[in-house]
Amino acid sequence: MHDFIFDRKGVFYVPIEKIADTEEFELEFIDFGLDRMEKSDDERFLFTLC
């Protein structure tokens, strides 16, 4: 109904120890519409907003 007002976004929490190369990970997510990637406050997870 209000799809024209809001963009659908997804948030992914990924344990940092599961990522071999964070730059490659970020580039891969950019291809799928990554808006922002940040570390959690305790630096255990990267979260992405796509």
PDB file of N, CA and C in Angstrom:
ATOM      1  N   MET A   1       0.813  -1.191   0.000  1.00  0.00           N
ATOM      2  CA  MET A   1       0.000   0.000   0.000  1.00  0.00           C
ATOM      3  C   MET A   1       0.859   1.259   0.000  1.00  0.00           C
ATOM      4  N   HIS A   2       1.855   1.318   0.899  1.00  0.00           N
ATOM      5  CA  HIS A   2       2.706   2.505   0.979  1.00  0.00           C
ATOM      6  C   HIS A   2       4.112   2.219   0.482  1.00  0.00           C
ATOM      7  N   ASP A   3       4.250   1.342  -0.479  1.00  0.00           N
ATOM      8  CA  ASP A   3       5.567   0.984  -0.998  1.00  0.00           C
ATOM      9  C   ASP A   3       6.292   2.164  -1.619  1.00  0.00           C
ATOM     10  N   PHE A   4       5.569   3.149  -2.071  1.00  0.00           N
ATOM     11  CA  PHE A   4       6.202   4.304  -2.693  1.00  0.00           C
ATOM     12  C   PHE A   4       6.855   5.232  -1.672  1.00  0.00           C
ATOM     13  N   ILE A   5       6.512   5.088  -0.400  1.00  0.00           N
ATOM     14  CA  ILE A   5       7.060   5.952   0.651  1.00  0.00           C
ATOM     15  C   ILE A   5       8.317   5.347   1.272  1.00  0.00           C
ATOM     16  N   PHE A   6       8.344   4.029   1.442  1.00  0.00           N
ATOM     17  CA  PHE A   6       9.417   3.376   2.170  1.00  0.00           C
ATOM     18  C   PHE A   6      10.182   2.414   1.277  1.00  0.00           C
ATOM     19  N   ASP A   7      11.486   2.342   1.494  1.00  0.00           N
ATOM     20  CA  ASP A   7      12.310   1.334   0.835  1.00  0.00           C
ATOM     21  C   ASP A   7      12.395   0.118   1.749  1.00  0.00           C
ATOM     22  N   ARG A   8      12.348  -1.054   1.169  1.00  0.00           N
ATOM     23  CA  ARG A   8      12.513  -2.269   1.961  1.00  0.00           C
ATOM     24  C   ARG A   8      14.006  -2.484   2.193  1.00  0.00           C
ATOM     25  N   LYS A   9      14.378  -2.680   3.431  1.00  0.00           N
ATOM     26  CA  LYS A   9      15.773  -2.872   3.801  1.00  0.00           C
ATOM     27  C   LYS A   9      15.904  -4.146   4.617  1.00  0.00           C
ATOM     28  N   GLY A  10      17.083  -4.716   4.600  1.00  0.00           N
ATOM     29  CA  GLY A  10      17.381  -5.874   5.421  1.00  0.00           C
ATOM     30  C   GLY A  10      18.634  -5.604   6.235  1.00  0.00           C
ATOM     31  N   VAL A  11      18.689  -6.150   7.421  1.00  0.00           N
ATOM     32  CA  VAL A  11      19.861  -6.011   8.285  1.00  0.00           C
ATOM     33  C   VAL A  11      20.429  -7.402   8.514  1.00  0.00           C
ATOM     34  N   PHE A  12      21.717  -7.555   8.262  1.00  0.00           N
ATOM     35  CA  PHE A  12      22.398  -8.831   8.435  1.00  0.00           C
ATOM     36  C   PHE A  12      23.463  -8.670   9.508  1.00  0.00           C
ATOM     37  N   TYR A  13      23.455  -9.543  10.497  1.00  0.00           N
ATOM     38  CA  TYR A  13      24.491  -9.574  11.532  1.00  0.00           C
ATOM     39  C   TYR A  13      25.390 -10.765  11.236  1.00  0.00           C
ATOM     40  N   VAL A  14      26.673 -10.498  11.013  1.00  0.00           N
ATOM     41  CA  VAL A  14      27.619 -11.547  10.638  1.00  0.00           C
ATOM     42  C   VAL A  14      28.758 -11.552  11.651  1.00  0.00           C
ATOM     43  N   PRO A  15      29.043 -12.703  12.281  1.00  0.00           N
ATOM     44  CA  PRO A  15      30.175 -12.777  13.219  1.00  0.00           C
ATOM     45  C   PRO A  15      31.483 -12.450  12.483  1.00  0.00           C
ATOM     46  N   ILE A  16      32.272 -11.567  13.051  1.00  0.00           N
ATOM     47  CA  ILE A  16      33.498 -11.105  12.404  1.00  0.00           C
ATOM     48  C   ILE A  16      34.464 -12.262  12.145  1.00  0.00           C
ATOM     49  N   GLU A  17      34.516 -13.242  13.059  1.00  0.00           N
ATOM     50  CA  GLU A  17      35.462 -14.350  12.863  1.00  0.00           C
ATOM     51  C   GLU A  17      35.092 -15.225  11.663  1.00  0.00           C
ATOM     52  N   LYS A  18      33.878 -15.095  11.128  1.00  0.00           N
ATOM     53  CA  LYS A  18      33.457 -15.865   9.959  1.00  0.00           C
ATOM     54  C   LYS A  18      33.832 -15.198   8.638  1.00  0.00           C
ATOM     55  N   ILE A  19      34.372 -13.973   8.702  1.00  0.00           N
ATOM     56  CA  ILE A  19      34.718 -13.225   7.494  1.00  0.00           C
ATOM     57  C   ILE A  19      36.232 -13.256   7.312  1.00  0.00           C
ATOM     58  N   ALA A  20      36.683 -13.832   6.211  1.00  0.00           N
ATOM     59  CA  ALA A  20      38.119 -13.924   5.949  1.00  0.00           C
ATOM     60  C   ALA A  20      38.688 -12.567   5.527  1.00  0.00           C
ATOM     61  N   ASP A  21      37.985 -11.853   4.660  1.00  0.00           N
ATOM     62  CA  ASP A  21      38.460 -10.570   4.131  1.00  0.00           C
ATOM     63  C   ASP A  21      37.297  -9.581   4.161  1.00  0.00           C
ATOM     64  N   THR A  22      37.338  -8.627   5.084  1.00  0.00           N
ATOM     65  CA  THR A  22      36.211  -7.698   5.234  1.00  0.00           C
ATOM     66  C   THR A  22      36.033  -6.800   4.018  1.00  0.00           C
ATOM     67  N   GLU A  23      37.125  -6.423   3.350  1.00  0.00           N
ATOM     68  CA  GLU A  23      36.994  -5.592   2.152  1.00  0.00           C
ATOM     69  C   GLU A  23      36.279  -6.342   1.039  1.00  0.00           C
ATOM     70  N   GLU A  24      36.631  -7.592   0.839  1.00  0.00           N
ATOM     71  CA  GLU A  24      35.971  -8.413  -0.186  1.00  0.00           C
ATOM     72  C   GLU A  24      34.500  -8.624   0.169  1.00  0.00           C
ATOM     73  N   PHE A  25      34.235  -8.846   1.444  1.00  0.00           N
ATOM     74  CA  PHE A  25      32.870  -9.004   1.924  1.00  0.00           C
ATOM     75  C   PHE A  25      32.041  -7.752   1.622  1.00  0.00           C
ATOM     76  N   GLU A  26      32.627  -6.591   1.917  1.00  0.00           N
ATOM     77  CA  GLU A  26      31.931  -5.324   1.677  1.00  0.00           C
ATOM     78  C   GLU A  26      31.673  -5.112   0.182  1.00  0.00           C
ATOM     79  N   LEU A  27      32.664  -5.378  -0.654  1.00  0.00           N
ATOM     80  CA  LEU A  27      32.491  -5.223  -2.097  1.00  0.00           C
ATOM     81  C   LEU A  27      31.404  -6.155  -2.633  1.00  0.00           C
ATOM     82  N   GLU A  28      31.358  -7.355  -2.106  1.00  0.00           N
ATOM     83  CA  GLU A  28      30.332  -8.310  -2.528  1.00  0.00           C
ATOM     84  C   GLU A  28      28.934  -7.799  -2.166  1.00  0.00           C
ATOM     85  N   PHE A  29      28.783  -7.244  -0.962  1.00  0.00           N
ATOM     86  CA  PHE A  29      27.485  -6.723  -0.545  1.00  0.00           C
ATOM     87  C   PHE A  29      27.116  -5.448  -1.282  1.00  0.00           C
ATOM     88  N   ILE A  30      28.088  -4.654  -1.693  1.00  0.00           N
ATOM     89  CA  ILE A  30      27.798  -3.451  -2.496  1.00  0.00           C
ATOM     90  C   ILE A  30      27.076  -3.835  -3.774  1.00  0.00           C
ATOM     91  N   ASP A  31      27.478  -4.948  -4.369  1.00  0.00           N
ATOM     92  CA  ASP A  31      26.807  -5.433  -5.580  1.00  0.00           C
ATOM     93  C   ASP A  31      25.331  -5.742  -5.334  1.00  0.00           C
ATOM     94  N   PHE A  32      24.969  -6.021  -4.087  1.00  0.00           N
ATOM     95  CA  PHE A  32      23.592  -6.348  -3.749  1.00  0.00           C
ATOM     96  C   PHE A  32      22.873  -5.202  -3.042  1.00  0.00           C
ATOM     97  N   GLY A  33      23.431  -3.988  -3.118  1.00  0.00           N
ATOM     98  CA  GLY A  33      22.734  -2.817  -2.600  1.00  0.00           C
ATOM     99  C   GLY A  33      23.112  -2.374  -1.208  1.00  0.00           C
ATOM    100  N   LEU A  34      24.319  -2.687  -0.760  1.00  0.00           N
ATOM    101  CA  LEU A  34      24.770  -2.279   0.578  1.00  0.00           C
ATOM    102  C   LEU A  34      24.692  -0.765   0.725  1.00  0.00           C
ATOM    103  N   ASP A  35      24.033  -0.310   1.780  1.00  0.00           N
ATOM    104  CA  ASP A  35      23.989   1.113   2.108  1.00  0.00           C
ATOM    105  C   ASP A  35      25.045   1.471   3.144  1.00  0.00           C
ATOM    106  N   ARG A  36      25.193   0.596   4.141  1.00  0.00           N
ATOM    107  CA  ARG A  36      26.083   0.912   5.251  1.00  0.00           C
ATOM    108  C   ARG A  36      26.564  -0.383   5.883  1.00  0.00           C
ATOM    109  N   MET A  37      27.813  -0.384   6.340  1.00  0.00           N
ATOM    110  CA  MET A  37      28.362  -1.525   7.064  1.00  0.00           C
ATOM    111  C   MET A  37      29.123  -0.994   8.269  1.00  0.00           C
ATOM    112  N   GLU A  38      28.806  -1.513   9.448  1.00  0.00           N
ATOM    113  CA  GLU A  38      29.427  -1.044  10.688  1.00  0.00           C
ATOM    114  C   GLU A  38      29.719  -2.215  11.601  1.00  0.00           C
ATOM    115  N   LYS A  39      30.641  -1.975  12.551  1.00  0.00           N
ATOM    116  CA  LYS A  39      30.901  -2.961  13.605  1.00  0.00           C
ATOM    117  C   LYS A  39      29.934  -2.713  14.750  1.00  0.00           C
ATOM    118  N   SER A  40      29.553  -3.803  15.424  1.00  0.00           N
ATOM    119  CA  SER A  40      28.715  -3.660  16.616  1.00  0.00           C
ATOM    120  C   SER A  40      29.543  -3.014  17.725  1.00  0.00           C
ATOM    121  N   ASP A  41      28.871  -2.548  18.752  1.00  0.00           N
ATOM    122  CA  ASP A  41      29.553  -1.871  19.860  1.00  0.00           C
ATOM    123  C   ASP A  41      30.605  -2.754  20.523  1.00  0.00           C
ATOM    124  N   ASP A  42      30.331  -4.048  20.630  1.00  0.00           N
ATOM    125  CA  ASP A  42      31.290  -4.952  21.264  1.00  0.00           C
ATOM    126  C   ASP A  42      32.278  -5.547  20.246  1.00  0.00           C
ATOM    127  N   GLU A  43      32.193  -5.105  18.987  1.00  0.00           N
ATOM    128  CA  GLU A  43      33.088  -5.502  17.895  1.00  0.00           C
ATOM    129  C   GLU A  43      33.098  -7.009  17.635  1.00  0.00           C
ATOM    130  N   ARG A  44      31.972  -7.675  17.912  1.00  0.00           N
ATOM    131  CA  ARG A  44      31.862  -9.099  17.631  1.00  0.00           C
ATOM    132  C   ARG A  44      31.172  -9.366  16.293  1.00  0.00           C
ATOM    133  N   PHE A  45      30.398  -8.373  15.823  1.00  0.00           N
ATOM    134  CA  PHE A  45      29.629  -8.558  14.604  1.00  0.00           C
ATOM    135  C   PHE A  45      29.813  -7.368  13.660  1.00  0.00           C
ATOM    136  N   LEU A  46      29.728  -7.659  12.369  1.00  0.00           N
ATOM    137  CA  LEU A  46      29.542  -6.609  11.380  1.00  0.00           C
ATOM    138  C   LEU A  46      28.067  -6.623  11.033  1.00  0.00           C
ATOM    139  N   PHE A  47      27.456  -5.458  10.966  1.00  0.00           N
ATOM    140  CA  PHE A  47      26.084  -5.468  10.485  1.00  0.00           C
ATOM    141  C   PHE A  47      25.984  -4.601   9.256  1.00  0.00           C
ATOM    142  N   THR A  48      25.158  -5.052   8.349  1.00  0.00           N
ATOM    143  CA  THR A  48      25.007  -4.392   7.070  1.00  0.00           C
ATOM    144  C   THR A  48      23.558  -4.013   6.875  1.00  0.00           C
ATOM    145  N   LEU A  49      23.356  -2.908   6.224  1.00  0.00           N
ATOM    146  CA  LEU A  49      22.015  -2.442   5.884  1.00  0.00           C
ATOM    147  C   LEU A  49      21.917  -2.441   4.365  1.00  0.00           C
ATOM    148  N   CYS A  50      21.092  -3.312   3.832  1.00  0.00           N
ATOM    149  CA  CYS A  50      20.921  -3.446   2.383  1.00  0.00           C
ATOM    150  C   CYS A  50      19.489  -3.189   2.014  1.00  0.00           C
TER     151      CYS A  50
END
